[in-house]
Amino acid sequence: LPPYSPELNPVEHVWEYLRENAFKNFSLNSLDEVVDILSDGLNFLSNQPEIVRSMTNFDWLNTLCLTCN
């Protein structure tokens, strides 16, 4: 496998979304702040399935999941 292949690991798109949206343009002073912001971002995404689906809905993955059932 290539060293960086986000198409093979869909959660990479979720982390990218969090980096670009939840952690954008400010510095953090403590690990507690990181945890709070990460929790807020993940809670937001858990209520937005269409956003998560758009980042992780690859045709090849759907096909693979169907063949595993």
PDB file of N, CA and C in Angstrom:
ATOM      1  N   LEU A   1       0.830  -1.194   0.000  1.00  0.00           N
ATOM      2  CA  LEU A   1       0.000   0.000   0.000  1.00  0.00           C
ATOM      3  C   LEU A   1       0.869   1.251   0.000  1.00  0.00           C
ATOM      4  N   PRO A   2       0.384   2.299  -0.613  1.00  0.00           N
ATOM      5  CA  PRO A   2       1.108   3.574  -0.551  1.00  0.00           C
ATOM      6  C   PRO A   2       1.143   4.088   0.893  1.00  0.00           C
ATOM      7  N   PRO A   3       2.140   4.887   1.242  1.00  0.00           N
ATOM      8  CA  PRO A   3       2.248   5.384   2.618  1.00  0.00           C
ATOM      9  C   PRO A   3       1.052   6.226   3.054  1.00  0.00           C
ATOM     10  N   TYR A   4       0.479   6.990   2.141  1.00  0.00           N
ATOM     11  CA  TYR A   4      -0.683   7.808   2.484  1.00  0.00           C
ATOM     12  C   TYR A   4      -1.742   7.571   1.429  1.00  0.00           C
ATOM     13  N   SER A   5      -2.789   6.892   1.796  1.00  0.00           N
ATOM     14  CA  SER A   5      -3.857   6.596   0.842  1.00  0.00           C
ATOM     15  C   SER A   5      -5.212   6.746   1.532  1.00  0.00           C
ATOM     16  N   PRO A   6      -5.702   7.990   1.650  1.00  0.00           N
ATOM     17  CA  PRO A   6      -6.954   8.235   2.367  1.00  0.00           C
ATOM     18  C   PRO A   6      -8.147   7.512   1.757  1.00  0.00           C
ATOM     19  N   GLU A   7      -8.081   7.215   0.461  1.00  0.00           N
ATOM     20  CA  GLU A   7      -9.196   6.498  -0.156  1.00  0.00           C
ATOM     21  C   GLU A   7      -9.314   5.072   0.375  1.00  0.00           C
ATOM     22  N   LEU A   8      -8.246   4.553   0.961  1.00  0.00           N
ATOM     23  CA  LEU A   8      -8.290   3.224   1.562  1.00  0.00           C
ATOM     24  C   LEU A   8      -8.631   3.280   3.049  1.00  0.00           C
ATOM     25  N   ASN A   9      -8.673   4.469   3.601  1.00  0.00           N
ATOM     26  CA  ASN A   9      -8.983   4.655   5.012  1.00  0.00           C
ATOM     27  C   ASN A   9      -9.920   5.862   5.139  1.00  0.00           C
ATOM     28  N   PRO A  10     -11.226   5.654   4.937  1.00  0.00           N
ATOM     29  CA  PRO A  10     -12.177   6.776   4.894  1.00  0.00           C
ATOM     30  C   PRO A  10     -12.176   7.677   6.122  1.00  0.00           C
ATOM     31  N   VAL A  11     -11.774   7.168   7.280  1.00  0.00           N
ATOM     32  CA  VAL A  11     -11.783   8.021   8.472  1.00  0.00           C
ATOM     33  C   VAL A  11     -10.790   9.178   8.331  1.00  0.00           C
ATOM     34  N   GLU A  12      -9.819   9.049   7.429  1.00  0.00           N
ATOM     35  CA  GLU A  12      -8.885  10.153   7.172  1.00  0.00           C
ATOM     36  C   GLU A  12      -9.637  11.414   6.750  1.00  0.00           C
ATOM     37  N   HIS A  13     -10.732  11.244   6.021  1.00  0.00           N
ATOM     38  CA  HIS A  13     -11.527  12.402   5.592  1.00  0.00           C
ATOM     39  C   HIS A  13     -12.243  13.050   6.777  1.00  0.00           C
ATOM     40  N   VAL A  14     -12.637  12.236   7.740  1.00  0.00           N
ATOM     41  CA  VAL A  14     -13.268  12.772   8.951  1.00  0.00           C
ATOM     42  C   VAL A  14     -12.255  13.604   9.735  1.00  0.00           C
ATOM     43  N   TRP A  15     -11.034  13.069   9.904  1.00  0.00           N
ATOM     44  CA  TRP A  15      -9.990  13.820  10.615  1.00  0.00           C
ATOM     45  C   TRP A  15      -9.664  15.115   9.877  1.00  0.00           C
ATOM     46  N   GLU A  16      -9.607  15.050   8.551  1.00  0.00           N
ATOM     47  CA  GLU A  16      -9.329  16.260   7.771  1.00  0.00           C
ATOM     48  C   GLU A  16     -10.420  17.306   7.998  1.00  0.00           C
ATOM     49  N   TYR A  17     -11.679  16.874   7.999  1.00  0.00           N
ATOM     50  CA  TYR A  17     -12.789  17.785   8.244  1.00  0.00           C
ATOM     51  C   TYR A  17     -12.643  18.446   9.615  1.00  0.00           C
ATOM     52  N   LEU A  18     -12.323  17.652  10.628  1.00  0.00           N
ATOM     53  CA  LEU A  18     -12.163  18.209  11.977  1.00  0.00           C
ATOM     54  C   LEU A  18     -10.998  19.189  12.039  1.00  0.00           C
ATOM     55  N   ARG A  19      -9.888  18.847  11.398  1.00  0.00           N
ATOM     56  CA  ARG A  19      -8.734  19.770  11.388  1.00  0.00           C
ATOM     57  C   ARG A  19      -9.101  21.088  10.721  1.00  0.00           C
ATOM     58  N   GLU A  20      -9.827  21.021   9.619  1.00  0.00           N
ATOM     59  CA  GLU A  20     -10.145  22.235   8.859  1.00  0.00           C
ATOM     60  C   GLU A  20     -11.281  23.046   9.466  1.00  0.00           C
ATOM     61  N   ASN A  21     -12.133  22.430  10.254  1.00  0.00           N
ATOM     62  CA  ASN A  21     -13.301  23.132  10.775  1.00  0.00           C
ATOM     63  C   ASN A  21     -13.261  23.344  12.285  1.00  0.00           C
ATOM     64  N   ALA A  22     -13.008  22.319  13.045  1.00  0.00           N
ATOM     65  CA  ALA A  22     -13.045  22.455  14.505  1.00  0.00           C
ATOM     66  C   ALA A  22     -11.780  23.096  15.055  1.00  0.00           C
ATOM     67  N   PHE A  23     -10.633  22.818  14.435  1.00  0.00           N
ATOM     68  CA  PHE A  23      -9.347  23.295  14.960  1.00  0.00           C
ATOM     69  C   PHE A  23      -8.747  24.401  14.106  1.00  0.00           C
ATOM     70  N   LYS A  24      -9.577  25.160  13.443  1.00  0.00           N
ATOM     71  CA  LYS A  24      -9.095  26.122  12.463  1.00  0.00           C
ATOM     72  C   LYS A  24      -8.629  27.434  13.104  1.00  0.00           C
ATOM     73  N   ASN A  25      -7.424  27.861  12.764  1.00  0.00           N
ATOM     74  CA  ASN A  25      -6.913  29.210  13.017  1.00  0.00           C
ATOM     75  C   ASN A  25      -6.847  29.667  14.473  1.00  0.00           C
ATOM     76  N   PHE A  26      -6.499  28.791  15.371  1.00  0.00           N
ATOM     77  CA  PHE A  26      -6.226  29.244  16.723  1.00  0.00           C
ATOM     78  C   PHE A  26      -5.318  28.240  17.416  1.00  0.00           C
ATOM     79  N   SER A  27      -4.664  28.705  18.460  1.00  0.00           N
ATOM     80  CA  SER A  27      -3.783  27.805  19.208  1.00  0.00           C
ATOM     81  C   SER A  27      -4.495  27.354  20.475  1.00  0.00           C
ATOM     82  N   LEU A  28      -4.081  26.219  20.945  1.00  0.00           N
ATOM     83  CA  LEU A  28      -4.693  25.649  22.141  1.00  0.00           C
ATOM     84  C   LEU A  28      -3.689  25.689  23.281  1.00  0.00           C
ATOM     85  N   ASN A  29      -4.180  25.950  24.469  1.00  0.00           N
ATOM     86  CA  ASN A  29      -3.304  26.117  25.623  1.00  0.00           C
ATOM     87  C   ASN A  29      -3.182  24.881  26.497  1.00  0.00           C
ATOM     88  N   SER A  30      -4.043  23.891  26.267  1.00  0.00           N
ATOM     89  CA  SER A  30      -3.977  22.700  27.112  1.00  0.00           C
ATOM     90  C   SER A  30      -4.575  21.506  26.387  1.00  0.00           C
ATOM     91  N   LEU A  31      -4.267  20.341  26.886  1.00  0.00           N
ATOM     92  CA  LEU A  31      -4.838  19.120  26.341  1.00  0.00           C
ATOM     93  C   LEU A  31      -6.344  19.088  26.574  1.00  0.00           C
ATOM     94  N   ASP A  32      -6.794  19.671  27.668  1.00  0.00           N
ATOM     95  CA  ASP A  32      -8.233  19.738  27.934  1.00  0.00           C
ATOM     96  C   ASP A  32      -8.961  20.503  26.837  1.00  0.00           C
ATOM     97  N   GLU A  33      -8.357  21.572  26.332  1.00  0.00           N
ATOM     98  CA  GLU A  33      -8.960  22.322  25.230  1.00  0.00           C
ATOM     99  C   GLU A  33      -9.053  21.457  23.976  1.00  0.00           C
ATOM    100  N   VAL A  34      -8.019  20.692  23.710  1.00  0.00           N
ATOM    101  CA  VAL A  34      -8.029  19.791  22.552  1.00  0.00           C
ATOM    102  C   VAL A  34      -9.170  18.791  22.690  1.00  0.00           C
ATOM    103  N   VAL A  35      -9.281  18.196  23.857  1.00  0.00           N
ATOM    104  CA  VAL A  35     -10.335  17.203  24.102  1.00  0.00           C
ATOM    105  C   VAL A  35     -11.712  17.836  23.949  1.00  0.00           C
ATOM    106  N   ASP A  36     -11.905  19.034  24.495  1.00  0.00           N
ATOM    107  CA  ASP A  36     -13.200  19.715  24.398  1.00  0.00           C
ATOM    108  C   ASP A  36     -13.568  20.011  22.949  1.00  0.00           C
ATOM    109  N   ILE A  37     -12.626  20.535  22.186  1.00  0.00           N
ATOM    110  CA  ILE A  37     -12.905  20.887  20.791  1.00  0.00           C
ATOM    111  C   ILE A  37     -13.135  19.633  19.959  1.00  0.00           C
ATOM    112  N   LEU A  38     -12.338  18.610  20.193  1.00  0.00           N
ATOM    113  CA  LEU A  38     -12.527  17.354  19.477  1.00  0.00           C
ATOM    114  C   LEU A  38     -13.885  16.747  19.806  1.00  0.00           C
ATOM    115  N   SER A  39     -14.262  16.766  21.066  1.00  0.00           N
ATOM    116  CA  SER A  39     -15.572  16.242  21.472  1.00  0.00           C
ATOM    117  C   SER A  39     -16.703  17.014  20.810  1.00  0.00           C
ATOM    118  N   ASP A  40     -16.593  18.343  20.796  1.00  0.00           N
ATOM    119  CA  ASP A  40     -17.615  19.162  20.143  1.00  0.00           C
ATOM    120  C   ASP A  40     -17.708  18.839  18.656  1.00  0.00           C
ATOM    121  N   GLY A  41     -16.558  18.705  18.002  1.00  0.00           N
ATOM    122  CA  GLY A  41     -16.551  18.393  16.573  1.00  0.00           C
ATOM    123  C   GLY A  41     -17.150  17.035  16.276  1.00  0.00           C
ATOM    124  N   LEU A  42     -16.800  16.035  17.080  1.00  0.00           N
ATOM    125  CA  LEU A  42     -17.359  14.692  16.877  1.00  0.00           C
ATOM    126  C   LEU A  42     -18.850  14.659  17.191  1.00  0.00           C
ATOM    127  N   ASN A  43     -19.275  15.390  18.214  1.00  0.00           N
ATOM    128  CA  ASN A  43     -20.709  15.470  18.510  1.00  0.00           C
ATOM    129  C   ASN A  43     -21.461  16.121  17.363  1.00  0.00           C
ATOM    130  N   PHE A  44     -20.883  17.177  16.792  1.00  0.00           N
ATOM    131  CA  PHE A  44     -21.510  17.824  15.647  1.00  0.00           C
ATOM    132  C   PHE A  44     -21.664  16.830  14.502  1.00  0.00           C
ATOM    133  N   LEU A  45     -20.584  16.113  14.182  1.00  0.00           N
ATOM    134  CA  LEU A  45     -20.637  15.158  13.075  1.00  0.00           C
ATOM    135  C   LEU A  45     -21.606  14.014  13.349  1.00  0.00           C
ATOM    136  N   SER A  46     -21.742  13.615  14.596  1.00  0.00           N
ATOM    137  CA  SER A  46     -22.668  12.519  14.902  1.00  0.00           C
ATOM    138  C   SER A  46     -24.113  12.919  14.632  1.00  0.00           C
ATOM    139  N   ASN A  47     -24.387  14.217  14.614  1.00  0.00           N
ATOM    140  CA  ASN A  47     -25.729  14.711  14.301  1.00  0.00           C
ATOM    141  C   ASN A  47     -25.872  15.141  12.848  1.00  0.00           C
ATOM    142  N   GLN A  48     -24.834  14.933  12.044  1.00  0.00           N
ATOM    143  CA  GLN A  48     -24.833  15.330  10.637  1.00  0.00           C
ATOM    144  C   GLN A  48     -24.429  14.138   9.761  1.00  0.00           C
ATOM    145  N   PRO A  49     -25.251  13.090   9.710  1.00  0.00           N
ATOM    146  CA  PRO A  49     -24.841  11.897   8.957  1.00  0.00           C
ATOM    147  C   PRO A  49     -24.602  12.165   7.478  1.00  0.00           C
ATOM    148  N   GLU A  50     -25.263  13.164   6.918  1.00  0.00           N
ATOM    149  CA  GLU A  50     -25.052  13.444   5.493  1.00  0.00           C
ATOM    150  C   GLU A  50     -23.641  13.966   5.226  1.00  0.00           C
ATOM    151  N   ILE A  51     -23.078  14.706   6.167  1.00  0.00           N
ATOM    152  CA  ILE A  51     -21.699  15.183   6.008  1.00  0.00           C
ATOM    153  C   ILE A  51     -20.734  14.004   6.089  1.00  0.00           C
ATOM    154  N   VAL A  52     -20.930  13.145   7.085  1.00  0.00           N
ATOM    155  CA  VAL A  52     -20.056  11.976   7.233  1.00  0.00           C
ATOM    156  C   VAL A  52     -20.186  11.073   6.015  1.00  0.00           C
ATOM    157  N   ARG A  53     -21.403  10.863   5.551  1.00  0.00           N
ATOM    158  CA  ARG A  53     -21.626  10.024   4.372  1.00  0.00           C
ATOM    159  C   ARG A  53     -20.906  10.596   3.156  1.00  0.00           C
ATOM    160  N   SER A  54     -20.929  11.899   3.000  1.00  0.00           N
ATOM    161  CA  SER A  54     -20.273  12.508   1.837  1.00  0.00           C
ATOM    162  C   SER A  54     -18.759  12.342   1.885  1.00  0.00           C
ATOM    163  N   MET A  55     -18.206  12.191   3.082  1.00  0.00           N
ATOM    164  CA  MET A  55     -16.758  12.031   3.220  1.00  0.00           C
ATOM    165  C   MET A  55     -16.314  10.583   3.127  1.00  0.00           C
ATOM    166  N   THR A  56     -17.235   9.657   3.339  1.00  0.00           N
ATOM    167  CA  THR A  56     -16.837   8.249   3.455  1.00  0.00           C
ATOM    168  C   THR A  56     -17.577   7.321   2.502  1.00  0.00           C
ATOM    169  N   ASN A  57     -18.460   7.851   1.693  1.00  0.00           N
ATOM    170  CA  ASN A  57     -19.301   7.021   0.832  1.00  0.00           C
ATOM    171  C   ASN A  57     -18.616   6.757  -0.505  1.00  0.00           C
ATOM    172  N   PHE A  58     -17.725   5.786  -0.514  1.00  0.00           N
ATOM    173  CA  PHE A  58     -17.016   5.414  -1.731  1.00  0.00           C
ATOM    174  C   PHE A  58     -17.713   4.216  -2.361  1.00  0.00           C
ATOM    175  N   ASP A  59     -17.890   4.247  -3.670  1.00  0.00           N
ATOM    176  CA  ASP A  59     -18.551   3.139  -4.360  1.00  0.00           C
ATOM    177  C   ASP A  59     -17.869   1.812  -4.076  1.00  0.00           C
ATOM    178  N   TRP A  60     -16.547   1.804  -4.121  1.00  0.00           N
ATOM    179  CA  TRP A  60     -15.834   0.542  -3.906  1.00  0.00           C
ATOM    180  C   TRP A  60     -16.055   0.005  -2.502  1.00  0.00           C
ATOM    181  N   LEU A  61     -16.215   0.905  -1.526  1.00  0.00           N
ATOM    182  CA  LEU A  61     -16.428   0.473  -0.150  1.00  0.00           C
ATOM    183  C   LEU A  61     -17.825  -0.114   0.013  1.00  0.00           C
ATOM    184  N   ASN A  62     -18.810   0.516  -0.607  1.00  0.00           N
ATOM    185  CA  ASN A  62     -20.174  -0.019  -0.553  1.00  0.00           C
ATOM    186  C   ASN A  62     -20.227  -1.405  -1.174  1.00  0.00           C
ATOM    187  N   THR A  63     -19.568  -1.575  -2.304  1.00  0.00           N
ATOM    188  CA  THR A  63     -19.531  -2.877  -2.966  1.00  0.00           C
ATOM    189  C   THR A  63     -18.865  -3.914  -2.074  1.00  0.00           C
ATOM    190  N   LEU A  64     -17.763  -3.536  -1.472  1.00  0.00           N
ATOM    191  CA  LEU A  64     -17.051  -4.450  -0.582  1.00  0.00           C
ATOM    192  C   LEU A  64     -17.923  -4.852   0.604  1.00  0.00           C
ATOM    193  N   CYS A  65     -18.608  -3.892   1.195  1.00  0.00           N
ATOM    194  CA  CYS A  65     -19.468  -4.192   2.342  1.00  0.00           C
ATOM    195  C   CYS A  65     -20.610  -5.121   1.948  1.00  0.00           C
ATOM    196  N   LEU A  66     -21.171  -4.929   0.769  1.00  0.00           N
ATOM    197  CA  LEU A  66     -22.257  -5.791   0.309  1.00  0.00           C
ATOM    198  C   LEU A  66     -21.775  -7.213   0.071  1.00  0.00           C
ATOM    199  N   THR A  67     -20.560  -7.364  -0.425  1.00  0.00           N
ATOM    200  CA  THR A  67     -20.047  -8.708  -0.682  1.00  0.00           C
ATOM    201  C   THR A  67     -19.665  -9.420   0.609  1.00  0.00           C
ATOM    202  N   CYS A  68     -19.429  -8.681   1.676  1.00  0.00           N
ATOM    203  CA  CYS A  68     -19.065  -9.302   2.958  1.00  0.00           C
ATOM    204  C   CYS A  68     -20.284  -9.845   3.694  1.00  0.00           C
ATOM    205  N   ASN A  69     -21.445  -9.334   3.376  1.00  0.00           N
ATOM    206  CA  ASN A  69     -22.668  -9.781   4.082  1.00  0.00           C
ATOM    207  C   ASN A  69     -23.155 -11.090   3.579  1.00  0.00           C
TER     208      ASN A  69
END
